[in-house]
Amino acid sequence: MLPDFNALAVFALVAEERSFRAAADRIGVTRSAVSQTIRKLEETLGIALVNRTTRSVALTEAGERLYAEAAPMLLEMQAALEAAASLGGAPRGRLTLAVSSIAESFLSGPLLTSFLDRYPDVKMHITVTDEEFDIVAQGYDAGVRLGEVIAQDMIAVPVSGEQRQLAVASPAYLERHGIPRHPNELANRRCIGWRRSANVAPYRWEFSEDGQEFSVAVPDTITTTDMALMIKLSVAGAGISFGMEDSFRPAIARGELVPVLDEFCPRFPGFYIYYPSRRNMAPKLRALVEHLRGIR
């Protein structure tokens, strides 16, 4: 007797999350329901797929092989089912996106609102994260990142124009400490740095001079994972900060922040929505990509 599609889909979630509880939360059922589904799947196949402990779930060798071979086919099957369903009407279903926190134009609101107004049967779940991971393995339909960090095997469609990073500080800070004339002077300044997570080294600030790119490891007097906090600290005069021009633009317009080292801050390619190449692209994702292309 062959296992059903739903059982394989539940197994794939458990494999991705390494947790019955997390898998159950994603599909809105109880942990025991997930456990029973996996147990029945193992009985059908006649082999153990997971090793259970009180704290974690690990795949057996058979489980690892099944997940590696079944996960891509499950995605294809889901896309095929959605494509067939869409023949009877507009795109529908849940669209999951992993979006960089600095993708200001994408996250500002109007772009996504106009899409949802156009396709009311699509439900969106947006995870705002700067962690780097495989969106396919984690079950996302697509991601939005700067083009330079997207894997070469992904299809990428631009969703913004060129971007630029700026160094900024408050007028009060610059009056007290002076305006830096070269990025090398930052080593002697109080800087507000960004790091992707607590266990990752702070981001090195990137500049360009005479066509040559270089980076500076600034003093880590203050570091945070939150751009909003960086802006607040900068406005309060805590130090010099560095980030996307779009993020700083409102505070600059109000006169709360002033760009410095402007001539060392070049423009570069912006943000892209990216997704794996599939034979059957889900209609809900195709609709979003075409919508973004149409309003750029």
Protein backbone atom coordinates (compact mmCIF):
# COMPACT_ATOMS: atom_id res chain seq x y z
CA MET A 1 0.00 0.00 0.00
CA LEU A 2 1.44 3.38 -1.03
CA PRO A 3 1.60 6.30 1.46
CA ASP A 4 -0.73 9.21 0.75
CA PHE A 5 0.38 12.65 -0.35
CA ASN A 6 -0.60 14.29 2.95
CA ALA A 7 1.53 11.87 4.97
CA LEU A 8 4.57 12.60 2.82
CA ALA A 9 3.91 16.35 3.15
CA VAL A 10 3.76 16.06 6.95
CA PHE A 11 6.97 14.04 6.95
CA ALA A 12 8.68 16.74 4.86
CA LEU A 13 7.66 19.37 7.43
CA VAL A 14 9.05 17.27 10.27
CA ALA A 15 12.28 16.81 8.30
CA GLU A 16 12.57 20.56 7.72
CA GLU A 17 11.77 21.56 11.31
CA ARG A 18 13.39 18.60 13.09
CA SER A 19 10.47 18.92 15.47
CA PHE A 20 6.96 17.46 15.70
CA ARG A 21 5.78 20.55 17.59
CA ALA A 22 7.09 23.03 15.00
CA ALA A 23 5.64 20.95 12.15
CA ALA A 24 2.28 20.83 13.93
CA ASP A 25 2.32 24.60 14.44
CA ARG A 26 2.92 25.18 10.73
CA ILE A 27 -0.14 23.25 9.64
CA GLY A 28 -2.38 24.01 12.60
CA VAL A 29 -2.81 20.54 14.11
CA THR A 30 -1.73 18.89 17.36
CA ARG A 31 1.68 17.38 17.99
CA SER A 32 0.10 13.98 18.55
CA ALA A 33 -1.62 14.17 15.14
CA VAL A 34 1.74 14.72 13.47
CA SER A 35 3.31 11.90 15.47
CA GLN A 36 0.52 9.50 14.49
CA THR A 37 0.84 10.44 10.81
CA ILE A 38 4.59 9.72 10.87
CA ARG A 39 4.02 6.44 12.71
CA LYS A 40 1.47 5.29 10.12
CA LEU A 41 3.83 6.29 7.31
CA GLU A 42 6.62 4.23 8.89
CA GLU A 43 4.25 1.26 9.26
CA THR A 44 3.24 1.55 5.61
CA LEU A 45 6.87 1.63 4.46
CA GLY A 46 8.03 -0.95 7.01
CA ILE A 47 11.02 1.15 8.13
CA ALA A 48 11.82 3.82 10.70
CA LEU A 49 12.13 7.33 9.28
CA VAL A 50 12.85 9.34 12.45
CA ASN A 51 14.60 8.82 15.77
CA ARG A 52 12.55 10.42 18.53
CA THR A 53 13.91 11.78 21.81
CA THR A 54 12.28 13.94 24.46
CA ARG A 55 13.94 17.06 23.03
CA SER A 56 14.55 16.54 19.33
CA VAL A 57 13.81 14.58 16.19
CA ALA A 58 16.54 13.23 13.92
CA LEU A 59 16.08 11.48 10.60
CA THR A 60 17.30 7.95 10.11
CA GLU A 61 19.35 7.11 7.03
CA ALA A 62 16.14 6.02 5.32
CA GLY A 63 14.44 9.21 6.42
CA GLU A 64 17.24 11.39 5.05
CA ARG A 65 17.07 9.59 1.69
CA LEU A 66 13.28 9.83 1.50
CA TYR A 67 13.34 13.54 2.30
CA ALA A 68 16.10 14.30 -0.21
CA GLU A 69 14.22 12.55 -3.02
CA ALA A 70 10.63 13.38 -2.04
CA ALA A 71 10.89 17.07 -1.11
CA PRO A 72 11.50 18.36 -4.68
CA MET A 73 8.69 16.16 -6.01
CA LEU A 74 6.32 17.41 -3.31
CA LEU A 75 7.02 20.99 -4.36
CA GLU A 76 6.39 20.09 -8.00
CA MET A 77 3.19 18.28 -7.09
CA GLN A 78 1.94 21.21 -5.01
CA ALA A 79 2.65 23.60 -7.88
CA ALA A 80 0.86 21.28 -10.34
CA LEU A 81 -2.21 21.06 -8.08
CA GLU A 82 -2.32 24.83 -7.68
CA ALA A 83 -1.94 25.30 -11.44
CA ALA A 84 -4.87 22.94 -12.07
CA ALA A 85 -6.99 24.67 -9.43
CA SER A 86 -6.25 28.09 -10.89
CA LEU A 87 -7.92 27.09 -14.17
CA GLY A 88 -11.20 27.56 -12.40
CA GLY A 89 -10.45 31.09 -11.22
CA ALA A 90 -7.86 33.53 -9.90
CA PRO A 91 -4.63 32.45 -8.13
CA ARG A 92 -5.24 31.33 -4.58
CA GLY A 93 -3.50 29.74 -1.64
CA ARG A 94 -0.80 30.61 0.88
CA LEU A 95 2.28 32.40 -0.42
CA THR A 96 5.30 32.30 1.89
CA LEU A 97 8.18 34.75 1.50
CA ALA A 98 11.49 35.28 3.32
CA VAL A 99 12.38 38.97 2.99
CA SER A 100 15.46 40.89 4.03
CA SER A 101 14.76 43.49 6.72
CA ILE A 102 16.47 46.18 4.63
CA ALA A 103 14.25 45.69 1.56
CA GLU A 104 12.46 48.96 2.38
CA SER A 105 10.66 49.46 -0.93
CA PHE A 106 9.27 45.91 -0.89
CA LEU A 107 8.20 46.07 2.77
CA SER A 108 6.87 49.63 2.75
CA GLY A 109 3.27 48.50 2.31
CA PRO A 110 1.79 49.85 -0.94
CA LEU A 111 3.45 47.24 -3.16
CA LEU A 112 2.09 44.27 -1.22
CA THR A 113 -1.27 45.94 -0.62
CA SER A 114 -1.80 46.47 -4.35
CA PHE A 115 -1.03 42.78 -4.98
CA LEU A 116 -3.48 41.58 -2.32
CA ASP A 117 -6.15 43.94 -3.64
CA ARG A 118 -5.70 42.41 -7.06
CA TYR A 119 -5.63 38.79 -5.82
CA PRO A 120 -7.88 38.56 -2.75
CA ASP A 121 -7.77 34.75 -2.68
CA VAL A 122 -4.02 34.72 -2.02
CA LYS A 123 -2.92 34.70 1.61
CA MET A 124 0.62 35.87 2.37
CA HIS A 125 3.01 34.95 5.16
CA ILE A 126 6.13 37.13 5.21
CA THR A 127 9.10 36.28 7.40
CA VAL A 128 11.40 39.28 7.78
CA THR A 129 14.85 37.85 8.37
CA ASP A 130 18.49 38.46 7.55
CA GLU A 131 19.55 34.89 8.26
CA GLU A 132 21.00 33.10 5.24
CA PHE A 133 19.35 29.75 4.49
CA ASP A 134 17.98 27.60 1.69
CA ILE A 135 14.45 28.89 1.04
CA VAL A 136 13.51 25.65 -0.74
CA ALA A 137 14.62 23.46 2.16
CA GLN A 138 12.73 25.69 4.58
CA GLY A 139 9.53 25.53 2.54
CA TYR A 140 9.33 29.12 1.26
CA ASP A 141 7.89 29.95 -2.14
CA ALA A 142 10.36 32.79 -2.72
CA GLY A 143 12.72 35.24 -1.07
CA VAL A 144 13.70 38.88 -1.47
CA ARG A 145 17.38 39.77 -1.06
CA LEU A 146 20.12 41.91 -2.54
CA GLY A 147 21.12 40.41 -5.86
CA GLU A 148 24.74 39.87 -4.86
CA VAL A 149 23.86 37.27 -2.21
CA ILE A 150 21.41 35.16 -4.24
CA ALA A 151 22.58 31.70 -5.33
CA GLN A 152 23.33 31.32 -9.05
CA ASP A 153 20.86 28.45 -9.50
CA MET A 154 17.89 30.67 -8.58
CA ILE A 155 15.69 32.70 -10.92
CA ALA A 156 15.93 36.35 -9.83
CA VAL A 157 13.68 39.25 -10.87
CA PRO A 158 14.51 42.85 -9.82
CA VAL A 159 12.03 44.53 -7.47
CA SER A 160 13.90 47.80 -6.89
CA GLY A 161 16.28 50.18 -8.58
CA GLU A 162 19.93 50.59 -7.66
CA GLN A 163 20.70 50.91 -3.96
CA ARG A 164 23.34 52.64 -1.88
CA GLN A 165 24.66 52.38 1.65
CA LEU A 166 25.43 55.53 3.60
CA ALA A 167 27.31 56.51 6.74
CA VAL A 168 25.23 58.92 8.82
CA ALA A 169 25.34 60.76 12.12
CA SER A 170 23.30 63.38 13.93
CA PRO A 171 24.23 67.09 13.59
CA ALA A 172 24.90 67.18 17.36
CA TYR A 173 27.37 64.27 17.15
CA LEU A 174 29.22 65.84 14.23
CA GLU A 175 29.40 69.19 16.00
CA ARG A 176 31.00 67.55 19.05
CA HIS A 177 33.36 65.17 17.25
CA GLY A 178 33.86 66.62 13.77
CA ILE A 179 33.10 65.21 10.33
CA PRO A 180 35.22 62.21 9.20
CA ARG A 181 36.90 62.80 5.85
CA HIS A 182 37.94 59.22 5.06
CA PRO A 183 36.58 55.79 6.11
CA ASN A 184 39.89 54.99 7.78
CA GLU A 185 39.06 57.64 10.41
CA LEU A 186 36.16 55.49 11.61
CA ALA A 187 38.60 53.40 13.65
CA ASN A 188 38.75 56.31 16.11
CA ARG A 189 35.01 57.04 16.20
CA ARG A 190 32.11 55.61 18.13
CA CYS A 191 30.14 53.53 15.62
CA ILE A 192 26.79 51.82 15.71
CA GLY A 193 27.26 48.51 13.94
CA TRP A 194 24.94 45.80 12.63
CA ARG A 195 25.25 42.05 12.92
CA ARG A 196 22.98 39.39 11.45
CA SER A 197 22.73 37.52 14.77
CA ALA A 198 24.40 37.53 18.16
CA ASN A 199 26.87 34.76 17.26
CA VAL A 200 28.01 36.36 13.98
CA ALA A 201 30.77 38.95 13.63
CA PRO A 202 29.60 42.55 13.01
CA TYR A 203 29.16 43.60 9.40
CA ARG A 204 32.22 45.28 7.88
CA TRP A 205 31.33 48.64 6.35
CA GLU A 206 31.89 48.64 2.58
CA PHE A 207 33.23 51.62 0.63
CA SER A 208 34.86 52.43 -2.71
CA GLU A 209 37.75 54.73 -3.62
CA ASP A 210 39.05 55.35 -7.16
CA GLY A 211 37.04 52.36 -8.38
CA GLN A 212 38.51 50.02 -5.76
CA GLU A 213 36.21 48.48 -3.18
CA PHE A 214 37.36 48.03 0.41
CA SER A 215 35.79 47.33 3.79
CA VAL A 216 36.39 48.70 7.27
CA ALA A 217 35.99 46.84 10.55
CA VAL A 218 34.63 49.64 12.74
CA PRO A 219 34.81 49.65 16.56
CA ASP A 220 32.00 47.50 17.96
CA THR A 221 31.08 49.89 20.77
CA ILE A 222 27.41 49.35 19.94
CA THR A 223 26.06 46.53 17.76
CA THR A 224 22.51 45.38 17.15
CA THR A 225 20.45 43.17 14.86
CA ASP A 226 17.77 45.86 14.55
CA MET A 227 18.03 48.65 11.97
CA ALA A 228 15.28 50.66 13.69
CA LEU A 229 17.37 50.77 16.87
CA MET A 230 20.43 51.83 14.88
CA ILE A 231 18.48 54.79 13.49
CA LYS A 232 17.17 55.80 16.93
CA LEU A 233 20.66 55.67 18.45
CA SER A 234 22.11 57.66 15.55
CA VAL A 235 19.43 60.35 15.87
CA ALA A 236 20.13 60.52 19.61
CA GLY A 237 23.80 61.23 18.90
CA ALA A 238 25.22 57.89 20.02
CA GLY A 239 27.59 57.61 17.06
CA ILE A 240 28.00 57.05 13.33
CA SER A 241 25.83 54.42 11.70
CA PHE A 242 25.94 52.69 8.32
CA GLY A 243 23.11 51.15 6.33
CA MET A 244 20.78 51.39 3.36
CA GLU A 245 20.01 54.90 2.11
CA ASP A 246 16.29 54.05 1.94
CA SER A 247 16.30 53.24 5.66
CA PHE A 248 17.88 56.57 6.61
CA ARG A 249 16.03 58.77 4.10
CA PRO A 250 13.12 59.88 6.38
CA ALA A 251 15.49 60.94 9.18
CA ILE A 252 17.75 62.73 6.68
CA ALA A 253 14.74 64.58 5.24
CA ARG A 254 13.80 65.75 8.75
CA GLY A 255 17.34 66.97 9.39
CA GLU A 256 17.87 64.44 12.19
CA LEU A 257 20.73 62.68 10.37
CA VAL A 258 23.43 63.92 8.02
CA PRO A 259 25.28 61.74 5.46
CA VAL A 260 29.08 61.62 5.78
CA LEU A 261 31.76 60.06 3.56
CA ASP A 262 29.30 60.39 0.69
CA GLU A 263 31.94 60.18 -2.06
CA PHE A 264 33.01 56.72 -0.80
CA CYS A 265 29.49 55.26 -1.03
CA PRO A 266 28.78 53.94 -4.57
CA ARG A 267 25.53 52.58 -5.94
CA PHE A 268 25.04 48.87 -6.60
CA PRO A 269 22.33 46.49 -7.94
CA GLY A 270 19.26 46.41 -5.72
CA PHE A 271 16.77 43.85 -4.45
CA TYR A 272 15.43 40.82 -6.30
CA ILE A 273 12.65 38.35 -5.69
CA TYR A 274 14.17 34.91 -6.22
CA TYR A 275 12.80 31.39 -6.45
CA PRO A 276 13.87 27.96 -7.73
CA SER A 277 13.44 26.96 -11.34
CA ARG A 278 10.46 24.61 -11.48
CA ARG A 279 8.63 23.03 -14.36
CA ASN A 280 5.29 23.95 -12.77
CA MET A 281 5.52 27.40 -11.21
CA ALA A 282 2.71 27.97 -8.72
CA PRO A 283 0.12 30.44 -10.11
CA LYS A 284 0.18 32.47 -6.88
CA LEU A 285 3.95 33.01 -7.23
CA ARG A 286 3.69 33.70 -10.97
CA ALA A 287 1.01 36.30 -10.20
CA LEU A 288 3.28 38.05 -7.67
CA VAL A 289 6.27 38.07 -10.02
CA GLU A 290 4.20 39.47 -12.90
CA HIS A 291 2.69 42.06 -10.57
CA LEU A 292 6.14 43.21 -9.46
CA ARG A 293 7.37 43.37 -13.06
CA GLY A 294 4.36 45.45 -14.02
CA ILE A 295 4.81 48.16 -11.40
CA ARG A 296 8.59 48.61 -11.45
